[in-house]
């Protein structure tokens, strides 16, 4: 049976340059980290991370700006003491 794709709750993008950008989409119980490149045939990458793993280990990528990472934690109502920030 065909199943509709889960709706995106919120998304963020960064490192927007002429031929590439990075971002993350927040779903009900996961995050999808991605990097897009142009032209389309040049490819891109994506990595899914459960919210549980995000809470325990922090973001699955190391390129996310601190401001955006804080926005994600704020959106998820994660107390500052429980946030896993990158070094």
N, C-alpha and C. Protein backbone atom coordinates (compact mmCIF):
# COMPACT_ATOMS: atom_id res chain seq x y z
N UNK A 1 0.84 -1.17 0.00
CA UNK A 1 0.00 0.00 0.00
C UNK A 1 0.88 1.24 0.00
N UNK A 2 0.51 2.22 -0.79
CA UNK A 2 1.26 3.47 -0.89
C UNK A 2 1.03 4.31 0.36
N UNK A 3 2.10 4.86 0.90
CA UNK A 3 2.00 5.66 2.12
C UNK A 3 2.51 7.07 1.82
N UNK A 4 1.75 8.07 2.24
CA UNK A 4 2.19 9.45 2.04
C UNK A 4 3.44 9.72 2.86
N UNK A 5 4.31 10.55 2.31
CA UNK A 5 5.51 10.93 3.03
C UNK A 5 5.12 11.77 4.24
N UNK A 6 5.83 11.57 5.31
CA UNK A 6 5.58 12.31 6.54
C UNK A 6 5.85 13.80 6.30
N UNK A 7 4.97 14.67 6.80
CA UNK A 7 5.18 16.10 6.57
C UNK A 7 6.37 16.65 7.37
N UNK A 8 7.03 17.62 6.77
CA UNK A 8 8.14 18.30 7.44
C UNK A 8 7.55 19.30 8.44
N UNK A 9 8.03 19.25 9.68
CA UNK A 9 7.57 20.19 10.70
C UNK A 9 8.28 21.53 10.56
N UNK A 10 9.58 21.49 10.28
CA UNK A 10 10.39 22.71 10.15
C UNK A 10 11.66 22.34 9.42
N UNK A 11 12.28 23.32 8.76
CA UNK A 11 13.55 23.06 8.08
C UNK A 11 14.46 24.28 8.20
N UNK A 12 15.74 24.04 8.09
CA UNK A 12 16.77 25.07 8.16
C UNK A 12 17.78 24.82 7.05
N UNK A 13 18.39 25.89 6.53
CA UNK A 13 19.45 25.77 5.53
C UNK A 13 20.61 26.68 5.91
N UNK A 14 21.82 26.29 5.52
CA UNK A 14 23.02 27.08 5.78
C UNK A 14 24.06 26.78 4.71
N UNK A 15 25.17 27.48 4.76
CA UNK A 15 26.26 27.32 3.78
C UNK A 15 25.75 27.44 2.36
N UNK A 16 24.83 28.38 2.15
CA UNK A 16 24.27 28.57 0.81
C UNK A 16 25.29 29.29 -0.08
N UNK A 17 25.76 28.56 -1.06
CA UNK A 17 26.71 29.09 -2.03
C UNK A 17 26.13 28.91 -3.43
N UNK A 18 26.84 29.38 -4.40
CA UNK A 18 26.32 29.35 -5.76
C UNK A 18 25.93 27.94 -6.22
N UNK A 19 26.73 26.94 -5.87
CA UNK A 19 26.47 25.60 -6.39
C UNK A 19 26.16 24.55 -5.32
N UNK A 20 25.94 24.96 -4.08
CA UNK A 20 25.61 23.98 -3.04
C UNK A 20 25.04 24.65 -1.80
N UNK A 21 24.36 23.86 -1.00
CA UNK A 21 23.88 24.31 0.30
C UNK A 21 23.65 23.09 1.17
N UNK A 22 23.56 23.33 2.48
CA UNK A 22 23.30 22.27 3.43
C UNK A 22 22.04 22.60 4.20
N UNK A 23 21.43 21.59 4.79
CA UNK A 23 20.22 21.83 5.55
C UNK A 23 19.80 20.63 6.36
N UNK A 24 18.71 20.83 7.08
CA UNK A 24 18.12 19.76 7.88
C UNK A 24 16.61 19.95 7.90
N UNK A 25 15.89 18.85 7.80
CA UNK A 25 14.43 18.84 7.90
C UNK A 25 14.05 18.09 9.17
N UNK A 26 13.15 18.67 9.93
CA UNK A 26 12.66 18.04 11.16
C UNK A 26 11.33 17.36 10.87
N UNK A 27 11.28 16.08 11.16
CA UNK A 27 10.05 15.30 11.05
C UNK A 27 9.57 14.96 12.45
N UNK A 28 8.48 14.22 12.54
CA UNK A 28 7.89 13.89 13.84
C UNK A 28 8.88 13.23 14.80
N UNK A 29 9.68 12.29 14.30
CA UNK A 29 10.58 11.56 15.20
C UNK A 29 12.00 11.44 14.65
N UNK A 30 12.35 12.30 13.68
CA UNK A 30 13.69 12.22 13.11
C UNK A 30 14.11 13.55 12.48
N UNK A 31 15.38 13.60 12.17
CA UNK A 31 15.96 14.73 11.43
C UNK A 31 16.59 14.17 10.16
N UNK A 32 16.49 14.89 9.07
CA UNK A 32 17.14 14.50 7.83
C UNK A 32 18.15 15.59 7.48
N UNK A 33 19.42 15.25 7.63
CA UNK A 33 20.52 16.17 7.32
C UNK A 33 20.88 15.96 5.86
N UNK A 34 21.10 17.05 5.10
CA UNK A 34 21.40 16.89 3.68
C UNK A 34 22.35 17.96 3.17
N UNK A 35 22.96 17.65 2.04
CA UNK A 35 23.79 18.59 1.30
C UNK A 35 23.39 18.45 -0.17
N UNK A 36 23.00 19.55 -0.77
CA UNK A 36 22.58 19.56 -2.17
C UNK A 36 23.65 20.27 -3.00
N UNK A 37 23.87 19.77 -4.20
CA UNK A 37 24.80 20.41 -5.12
C UNK A 37 24.12 20.62 -6.47
N UNK A 38 24.61 21.59 -7.21
CA UNK A 38 24.08 21.87 -8.55
C UNK A 38 25.20 21.68 -9.55
N UNK A 39 24.93 21.27 -10.73
CA UNK A 39 23.62 20.86 -11.22
C UNK A 39 23.15 19.57 -10.56
N UNK A 40 21.90 19.26 -10.77
CA UNK A 40 21.28 18.13 -10.08
C UNK A 40 22.04 16.82 -10.27
N UNK A 41 22.61 16.60 -11.43
CA UNK A 41 23.32 15.34 -11.67
C UNK A 41 24.64 15.25 -10.90
N UNK A 42 25.06 16.37 -10.29
CA UNK A 42 26.30 16.35 -9.51
C UNK A 42 26.12 15.60 -8.20
N UNK A 43 24.87 15.41 -7.80
CA UNK A 43 24.59 14.60 -6.62
C UNK A 43 24.47 15.40 -5.34
N UNK A 44 24.29 14.70 -4.28
CA UNK A 44 24.13 15.27 -2.95
C UNK A 44 24.17 14.13 -1.96
N UNK A 45 24.06 14.46 -0.70
CA UNK A 45 24.06 13.43 0.33
C UNK A 45 22.96 13.71 1.33
N UNK A 46 22.54 12.68 2.04
CA UNK A 46 21.54 12.83 3.09
C UNK A 46 21.77 11.77 4.15
N UNK A 47 21.42 12.12 5.37
CA UNK A 47 21.55 11.19 6.49
C UNK A 47 20.40 11.41 7.46
N UNK A 48 19.69 10.34 7.76
CA UNK A 48 18.57 10.41 8.71
C UNK A 48 19.10 10.13 10.11
N UNK A 49 18.58 10.87 11.09
CA UNK A 49 18.97 10.69 12.48
C UNK A 49 17.71 10.71 13.34
N UNK A 50 17.57 9.74 14.21
CA UNK A 50 16.41 9.74 15.10
C UNK A 50 16.53 10.88 16.11
N UNK A 51 15.39 11.35 16.60
CA UNK A 51 15.43 12.39 17.63
C UNK A 51 16.10 11.87 18.89
N UNK A 52 15.92 10.59 19.19
CA UNK A 52 16.57 10.00 20.36
C UNK A 52 18.09 10.09 20.23
N UNK A 53 18.61 9.73 19.07
CA UNK A 53 20.05 9.81 18.84
C UNK A 53 20.53 11.27 18.90
N UNK A 54 19.74 12.17 18.34
CA UNK A 54 20.09 13.60 18.38
C UNK A 54 20.18 14.08 19.82
N UNK A 55 19.24 13.67 20.65
CA UNK A 55 19.23 14.08 22.07
C UNK A 55 20.43 13.51 22.82
N UNK A 56 20.81 12.27 22.48
CA UNK A 56 21.90 11.61 23.20
C UNK A 56 23.29 12.02 22.69
N UNK A 57 23.41 12.27 21.39
CA UNK A 57 24.73 12.46 20.78
C UNK A 57 24.94 13.79 20.07
N UNK A 58 23.89 14.59 19.93
CA UNK A 58 24.01 15.84 19.20
C UNK A 58 23.81 15.63 17.71
N UNK A 59 24.08 16.65 16.91
CA UNK A 59 23.80 16.57 15.48
C UNK A 59 24.69 15.56 14.75
N UNK A 60 24.14 14.99 13.68
CA UNK A 60 24.85 13.98 12.89
C UNK A 60 25.86 14.61 11.93
N UNK A 61 25.89 15.92 11.84
CA UNK A 61 26.85 16.61 10.97
C UNK A 61 27.63 17.61 11.81
N UNK A 62 28.82 17.95 11.35
CA UNK A 62 29.64 18.90 12.12
C UNK A 62 29.73 20.27 11.47
N UNK A 63 28.94 20.50 10.43
CA UNK A 63 29.00 21.77 9.71
C UNK A 63 27.89 22.74 10.09
N UNK A 64 26.99 22.34 10.96
CA UNK A 64 25.85 23.18 11.30
C UNK A 64 26.29 24.37 12.17
N UNK A 65 25.90 25.58 11.79
CA UNK A 65 26.24 26.74 12.61
C UNK A 65 25.58 26.66 13.99
N UNK A 66 26.28 27.15 14.98
CA UNK A 66 25.80 27.12 16.36
C UNK A 66 24.42 27.78 16.50
N UNK A 67 24.20 28.88 15.78
CA UNK A 67 22.92 29.59 15.88
C UNK A 67 21.76 28.71 15.42
N UNK A 68 21.97 27.98 14.32
CA UNK A 68 20.91 27.11 13.81
C UNK A 68 20.72 25.92 14.74
N UNK A 69 21.81 25.38 15.26
CA UNK A 69 21.69 24.26 16.21
C UNK A 69 20.89 24.70 17.43
N UNK A 70 21.14 25.90 17.92
CA UNK A 70 20.36 26.41 19.05
C UNK A 70 18.89 26.60 18.69
N UNK A 71 18.61 27.03 17.45
CA UNK A 71 17.22 27.17 17.00
C UNK A 71 16.51 25.81 17.02
N UNK A 72 17.20 24.76 16.60
CA UNK A 72 16.61 23.41 16.61
C UNK A 72 16.31 23.00 18.04
N UNK A 73 17.28 23.16 18.93
CA UNK A 73 17.06 22.82 20.34
C UNK A 73 15.92 23.64 20.92
N UNK A 74 15.87 24.93 20.61
CA UNK A 74 14.78 25.79 21.10
C UNK A 74 13.43 25.29 20.58
N UNK A 75 13.37 24.96 19.30
CA UNK A 75 12.13 24.48 18.69
C UNK A 75 11.65 23.20 19.38
N UNK A 76 12.61 22.35 19.76
CA UNK A 76 12.27 21.09 20.43
C UNK A 76 12.13 21.24 21.95
N UNK A 77 12.28 22.46 22.44
CA UNK A 77 12.18 22.76 23.88
C UNK A 77 13.17 21.95 24.72
N UNK A 78 14.39 21.84 24.24
CA UNK A 78 15.44 21.11 24.96
C UNK A 78 16.15 22.10 25.88
N UNK A 79 16.20 21.83 27.19
CA UNK A 79 16.89 22.74 28.12
C UNK A 79 18.38 22.85 27.76
N UNK A 80 18.94 24.02 27.98
CA UNK A 80 20.36 24.27 27.64
C UNK A 80 21.28 23.25 28.30
N UNK A 81 20.98 22.81 29.48
CA UNK A 81 21.84 21.85 30.19
C UNK A 81 21.89 20.49 29.50
N UNK A 82 20.90 20.17 28.69
CA UNK A 82 20.85 18.87 28.01
C UNK A 82 21.30 18.93 26.55
N UNK A 83 21.72 20.10 26.09
CA UNK A 83 22.10 20.26 24.69
C UNK A 83 23.51 19.77 24.43
N UNK A 84 23.66 19.04 23.33
CA UNK A 84 24.98 18.55 22.89
C UNK A 84 25.47 19.51 21.82
N UNK A 85 26.40 20.38 22.20
CA UNK A 85 26.93 21.37 21.27
C UNK A 85 28.25 20.87 20.70
N UNK A 86 28.53 21.29 19.49
CA UNK A 86 29.77 20.92 18.84
C UNK A 86 30.92 21.74 19.42
N UNK A 87 32.09 21.17 19.39
CA UNK A 87 33.28 21.88 19.90
C UNK A 87 33.79 22.82 18.84
